[in-house]
Amino acid sequence: MSKDKLVDADLIAQLQGNIPLEARPFARIADAIGWSEGEVLSRLRRWQAEGRLRRVGAVLAHRRAGVAANALVLWQVPSGRLEEVGEALARDRRVTHCYQRKPAPGWPYNLFFMVHGQRRSQVEAVVKELADELKVRDYRILFSTVEIKKTSMTYA
């Protein structure tokens, strides 16, 4: 493995955990791997320019923040409209995840997305509004009942 990749691995290891909640969190990360804060920020900007890094962001503990209604929404969308409908959902700020899936025998749903709210009725209203706007009639809403595990992806 090249020296550059080893150095990248050190930075990735620091970024995949919790980023320190302080005024200059990247300075602490830099100290942990023997870099300057400027070197860390420069590497992150380079990764972003190369398309290797989309963003660095916070993950909200949504249940503790009062967002208790979380739903996986399943839509059956004609194949000729999948791209149009998927892109519209991806642009909507109320949709947090959106995936195209192959339908399975007896399970015709091919577009899956997540919507969150404080109450089930709020989530149902958002889904109905989106379905009406995008002219989707066949769908199901599956609400989460218990959060069993929630972690960020880690890289070896």
C-alpha atoms as a PDB file:
ATOM      1  CA  MET A   1       0.000   0.000   0.000  1.00  0.00           C
ATOM      2  CA  SER A   2       1.362   3.439  -0.878  1.00  0.00           C
ATOM      3  CA  LYS A   3       2.328   5.917   1.820  1.00  0.00           C
ATOM      4  CA  ASP A   4      -0.427   8.287   0.591  1.00  0.00           C
ATOM      5  CA  LYS A   5      -3.079   5.569   1.045  1.00  0.00           C
ATOM      6  CA  LEU A   6      -1.781   4.787   4.544  1.00  0.00           C
ATOM      7  CA  VAL A   7      -1.992   8.456   5.453  1.00  0.00           C
ATOM      8  CA  ASP A   8      -5.524   8.617   3.986  1.00  0.00           C
ATOM      9  CA  ALA A   9      -6.487   5.593   6.100  1.00  0.00           C
ATOM     10  CA  ASP A  10      -5.416   7.414   9.268  1.00  0.00           C
ATOM     11  CA  LEU A  11      -7.617  10.375   8.402  1.00  0.00           C
ATOM     12  CA  ILE A  12     -10.556   8.155   7.419  1.00  0.00           C
ATOM     13  CA  ALA A  13     -10.268   6.316  10.742  1.00  0.00           C
ATOM     14  CA  GLN A  14     -10.544   9.633  12.595  1.00  0.00           C
ATOM     15  CA  LEU A  15     -13.477  10.869  10.518  1.00  0.00           C
ATOM     16  CA  GLN A  16     -15.652   7.765  10.819  1.00  0.00           C
ATOM     17  CA  GLY A  17     -16.100   8.225  14.551  1.00  0.00           C
ATOM     18  CA  ASN A  18     -17.572  11.160  16.382  1.00  0.00           C
ATOM     19  CA  ILE A  19     -16.048  14.469  15.398  1.00  0.00           C
ATOM     20  CA  PRO A  20     -15.210  16.523  18.499  1.00  0.00           C
ATOM     21  CA  LEU A  21     -17.875  19.083  19.372  1.00  0.00           C
ATOM     22  CA  GLU A  22     -15.624  22.112  19.686  1.00  0.00           C
ATOM     23  CA  ALA A  23     -14.679  25.276  17.824  1.00  0.00           C
ATOM     24  CA  ARG A  24     -11.889  23.639  15.756  1.00  0.00           C
ATOM     25  CA  PRO A  25     -12.617  19.908  15.558  1.00  0.00           C
ATOM     26  CA  PHE A  26     -10.250  19.333  12.644  1.00  0.00           C
ATOM     27  CA  ALA A  27      -7.323  20.625  14.702  1.00  0.00           C
ATOM     28  CA  ARG A  28      -7.873  17.800  17.198  1.00  0.00           C
ATOM     29  CA  ILE A  29      -8.166  15.261  14.364  1.00  0.00           C
ATOM     30  CA  ALA A  30      -4.944  16.641  12.869  1.00  0.00           C
ATOM     31  CA  ASP A  31      -3.136  16.281  16.212  1.00  0.00           C
ATOM     32  CA  ALA A  32      -4.273  12.647  16.469  1.00  0.00           C
ATOM     33  CA  ILE A  33      -2.618  11.737  13.157  1.00  0.00           C
ATOM     34  CA  GLY A  34       0.373  14.076  13.294  1.00  0.00           C
ATOM     35  CA  TRP A  35      -0.823  16.558  10.689  1.00  0.00           C
ATOM     36  CA  SER A  36      -1.578  20.257  10.765  1.00  0.00           C
ATOM     37  CA  GLU A  37      -5.172  21.433  10.717  1.00  0.00           C
ATOM     38  CA  GLY A  38      -4.504  22.985   7.296  1.00  0.00           C
ATOM     39  CA  GLU A  39      -3.328  19.633   5.912  1.00  0.00           C
ATOM     40  CA  VAL A  40      -6.513  17.919   7.090  1.00  0.00           C
ATOM     41  CA  LEU A  41      -8.742  20.606   5.600  1.00  0.00           C
ATOM     42  CA  SER A  42      -6.760  20.593   2.358  1.00  0.00           C
ATOM     43  CA  ARG A  43      -7.100  16.809   2.042  1.00  0.00           C
ATOM     44  CA  LEU A  44     -10.859  16.998   2.687  1.00  0.00           C
ATOM     45  CA  ARG A  45     -11.249  19.711   0.038  1.00  0.00           C
ATOM     46  CA  ARG A  46      -9.261  17.605  -2.430  1.00  0.00           C
ATOM     47  CA  TRP A  47     -11.409  14.532  -1.746  1.00  0.00           C
ATOM     48  CA  GLN A  48     -14.504  16.630  -2.262  1.00  0.00           C
ATOM     49  CA  ALA A  49     -13.207  18.027  -5.569  1.00  0.00           C
ATOM     50  CA  GLU A  50     -12.374  14.480  -6.709  1.00  0.00           C
ATOM     51  CA  GLY A  51     -15.851  13.257  -5.781  1.00  0.00           C
ATOM     52  CA  ARG A  52     -14.517  10.928  -3.094  1.00  0.00           C
ATOM     53  CA  LEU A  53     -16.182  12.860  -0.265  1.00  0.00           C
ATOM     54  CA  ARG A  54     -19.673  14.286  -0.564  1.00  0.00           C
ATOM     55  CA  ARG A  55     -19.938  15.961   2.798  1.00  0.00           C
ATOM     56  CA  VAL A  56     -19.034  15.919   6.462  1.00  0.00           C
ATOM     57  CA  GLY A  57     -22.116  16.331   8.588  1.00  0.00           C
ATOM     58  CA  ALA A  58     -23.786  15.768  11.900  1.00  0.00           C
ATOM     59  CA  VAL A  59     -26.105  12.856  12.613  1.00  0.00           C
ATOM     60  CA  LEU A  60     -29.074  13.902  14.698  1.00  0.00           C
ATOM     61  CA  ALA A  61     -30.333  11.533  17.393  1.00  0.00           C
ATOM     62  CA  HIS A  62     -33.794  12.049  15.901  1.00  0.00           C
ATOM     63  CA  ARG A  63     -35.852  10.111  18.458  1.00  0.00           C
ATOM     64  CA  ARG A  64     -34.353  12.131  21.318  1.00  0.00           C
ATOM     65  CA  ALA A  65     -35.080  15.290  19.297  1.00  0.00           C
ATOM     66  CA  GLY A  66     -38.792  14.377  19.062  1.00  0.00           C
ATOM     67  CA  VAL A  67     -38.867  12.812  15.606  1.00  0.00           C
ATOM     68  CA  ALA A  68     -40.668   9.613  16.595  1.00  0.00           C
ATOM     69  CA  ALA A  69     -42.548   8.707  13.394  1.00  0.00           C
ATOM     70  CA  ASN A  70     -40.145   7.140  10.916  1.00  0.00           C
ATOM     71  CA  ALA A  71     -41.483   5.426   7.825  1.00  0.00           C
ATOM     72  CA  LEU A  72     -40.118   3.412   4.960  1.00  0.00           C
ATOM     73  CA  VAL A  73     -42.376   4.173   2.012  1.00  0.00           C
ATOM     74  CA  LEU A  74     -42.704   1.651  -0.811  1.00  0.00           C
ATOM     75  CA  TRP A  75     -43.968   2.770  -4.192  1.00  0.00           C
ATOM     76  CA  GLN A  76     -44.794   0.835  -7.319  1.00  0.00           C
ATOM     77  CA  VAL A  77     -43.737   3.115 -10.164  1.00  0.00           C
ATOM     78  CA  PRO A  78     -43.917   2.206 -13.869  1.00  0.00           C
ATOM     79  CA  SER A  79     -40.387   1.595 -15.166  1.00  0.00           C
ATOM     80  CA  GLY A  80     -40.719   4.446 -17.670  1.00  0.00           C
ATOM     81  CA  ARG A  81     -41.253   6.915 -14.811  1.00  0.00           C
ATOM     82  CA  LEU A  82     -38.702   5.623 -12.297  1.00  0.00           C
ATOM     83  CA  GLU A  83     -36.016   8.177 -13.083  1.00  0.00           C
ATOM     84  CA  GLU A  84     -38.450  11.114 -13.099  1.00  0.00           C
ATOM     85  CA  VAL A  85     -40.148  10.110  -9.837  1.00  0.00           C
ATOM     86  CA  GLY A  86     -36.902   9.102  -8.118  1.00  0.00           C
ATOM     87  CA  GLU A  87     -35.256  12.417  -8.977  1.00  0.00           C
ATOM     88  CA  ALA A  88     -38.299  14.350  -7.730  1.00  0.00           C
ATOM     89  CA  LEU A  89     -38.174  12.489  -4.409  1.00  0.00           C
ATOM     90  CA  ALA A  90     -34.418  12.999  -4.134  1.00  0.00           C
ATOM     91  CA  ARG A  91     -34.912  16.765  -4.471  1.00  0.00           C
ATOM     92  CA  ASP A  92     -37.598  16.892  -1.767  1.00  0.00           C
ATOM     93  CA  ARG A  93     -36.169  17.971   1.581  1.00  0.00           C
ATOM     94  CA  ARG A  94     -38.693  15.771   3.446  1.00  0.00           C
ATOM     95  CA  VAL A  95     -37.206  12.613   1.930  1.00  0.00           C
ATOM     96  CA  THR A  96     -33.997  11.460   3.639  1.00  0.00           C
ATOM     97  CA  HIS A  97     -33.164   8.294   1.681  1.00  0.00           C
ATOM     98  CA  CYS A  98     -34.373   7.173  -1.731  1.00  0.00           C
ATOM     99  CA  TYR A  99     -33.523   3.904  -3.486  1.00  0.00           C
ATOM    100  CA  GLN A 100     -34.608   2.024  -6.570  1.00  0.00           C
ATOM    101  CA  ARG A 101     -35.036  -1.721  -5.977  1.00  0.00           C
ATOM    102  CA  LYS A 102     -35.917  -4.657  -8.190  1.00  0.00           C
ATOM    103  CA  PRO A 103     -39.442  -5.890  -7.474  1.00  0.00           C
ATOM    104  CA  ALA A 104     -39.676  -9.398  -6.018  1.00  0.00           C
ATOM    105  CA  PRO A 105     -42.295 -12.032  -6.802  1.00  0.00           C
ATOM    106  CA  GLY A 106     -45.482 -10.964  -5.020  1.00  0.00           C
ATOM    107  CA  TRP A 107     -43.860  -7.669  -3.986  1.00  0.00           C
ATOM    108  CA  PRO A 108     -44.192  -5.135  -6.820  1.00  0.00           C
ATOM    109  CA  TYR A 109     -42.590  -2.132  -5.098  1.00  0.00           C
ATOM    110  CA  ASN A 110     -39.562  -0.702  -6.878  1.00  0.00           C
ATOM    111  CA  LEU A 111     -38.958   2.700  -5.255  1.00  0.00           C
ATOM    112  CA  PHE A 112     -38.239   2.976  -1.525  1.00  0.00           C
ATOM    113  CA  PHE A 113     -37.770   6.133   0.523  1.00  0.00           C
ATOM    114  CA  MET A 114     -37.783   7.384   4.117  1.00  0.00           C
ATOM    115  CA  VAL A 115     -39.878  10.143   5.656  1.00  0.00           C
ATOM    116  CA  HIS A 116     -39.663  11.266   9.282  1.00  0.00           C
ATOM    117  CA  GLY A 117     -41.963  13.350  11.468  1.00  0.00           C
ATOM    118  CA  GLN A 118     -43.182  13.948  14.975  1.00  0.00           C
ATOM    119  CA  ARG A 119     -46.430  12.028  14.418  1.00  0.00           C
ATOM    120  CA  ARG A 120     -47.626   9.256  12.123  1.00  0.00           C
ATOM    121  CA  SER A 121     -50.367  11.529  10.767  1.00  0.00           C
ATOM    122  CA  GLN A 122     -47.733  14.075   9.743  1.00  0.00           C
ATOM    123  CA  VAL A 123     -45.740  11.430   7.831  1.00  0.00           C
ATOM    124  CA  GLU A 124     -48.915  10.050   6.206  1.00  0.00           C
ATOM    125  CA  ALA A 125     -49.841  13.556   5.039  1.00  0.00           C
ATOM    126  CA  VAL A 126     -46.396  14.065   3.464  1.00  0.00           C
ATOM    127  CA  VAL A 127     -46.582  10.709   1.670  1.00  0.00           C
ATOM    128  CA  LYS A 128     -50.102  11.448   0.376  1.00  0.00           C
ATOM    129  CA  GLU A 129     -49.007  14.874  -0.854  1.00  0.00           C
ATOM    130  CA  LEU A 130     -46.017  13.378  -2.670  1.00  0.00           C
ATOM    131  CA  ALA A 131     -48.127  10.561  -4.133  1.00  0.00           C
ATOM    132  CA  ASP A 132     -50.747  13.018  -5.390  1.00  0.00           C
ATOM    133  CA  GLU A 133     -48.114  15.349  -6.838  1.00  0.00           C
ATOM    134  CA  LEU A 134     -46.221  12.539  -8.582  1.00  0.00           C
ATOM    135  CA  LYS A 135     -49.349  10.567  -9.514  1.00  0.00           C
ATOM    136  CA  VAL A 136     -48.408   7.368  -7.688  1.00  0.00           C
ATOM    137  CA  ARG A 137     -51.343   5.277  -6.511  1.00  0.00           C
ATOM    138  CA  ASP A 138     -49.863   1.953  -5.372  1.00  0.00           C
ATOM    139  CA  TYR A 139     -47.840   2.345  -2.194  1.00  0.00           C
ATOM    140  CA  ARG A 140     -47.371   1.186   1.365  1.00  0.00           C
ATOM    141  CA  ILE A 141     -46.070   2.966   4.439  1.00  0.00           C
ATOM    142  CA  LEU A 142     -44.105   0.869   6.936  1.00  0.00           C
ATOM    143  CA  PHE A 143     -43.563   2.668  10.246  1.00  0.00           C
ATOM    144  CA  SER A 144     -40.629   1.800  12.490  1.00  0.00           C
ATOM    145  CA  THR A 145     -41.631   0.470  15.872  1.00  0.00           C
ATOM    146  CA  VAL A 146     -38.281  -0.047  17.622  1.00  0.00           C
ATOM    147  CA  GLU A 147     -34.807   1.209  16.718  1.00  0.00           C
ATOM    148  CA  ILE A 148     -32.591  -1.834  17.162  1.00  0.00           C
ATOM    149  CA  LYS A 149     -29.334  -0.531  15.730  1.00  0.00           C
ATOM    150  CA  LYS A 150     -28.162   2.728  14.221  1.00  0.00           C
ATOM    151  CA  THR A 151     -24.519   3.248  13.366  1.00  0.00           C
ATOM    152  CA  SER A 152     -22.529   4.979  10.712  1.00  0.00           C
ATOM    153  CA  MET A 153     -20.593   2.937   8.204  1.00  0.00           C
ATOM    154  CA  THR A 154     -17.025   2.149   9.159  1.00  0.00           C
ATOM    155  CA  TYR A 155     -14.209   1.340   6.770  1.00  0.00           C
ATOM    156  CA  ALA A 156     -11.420  -1.116   7.478  1.00  0.00           C
END
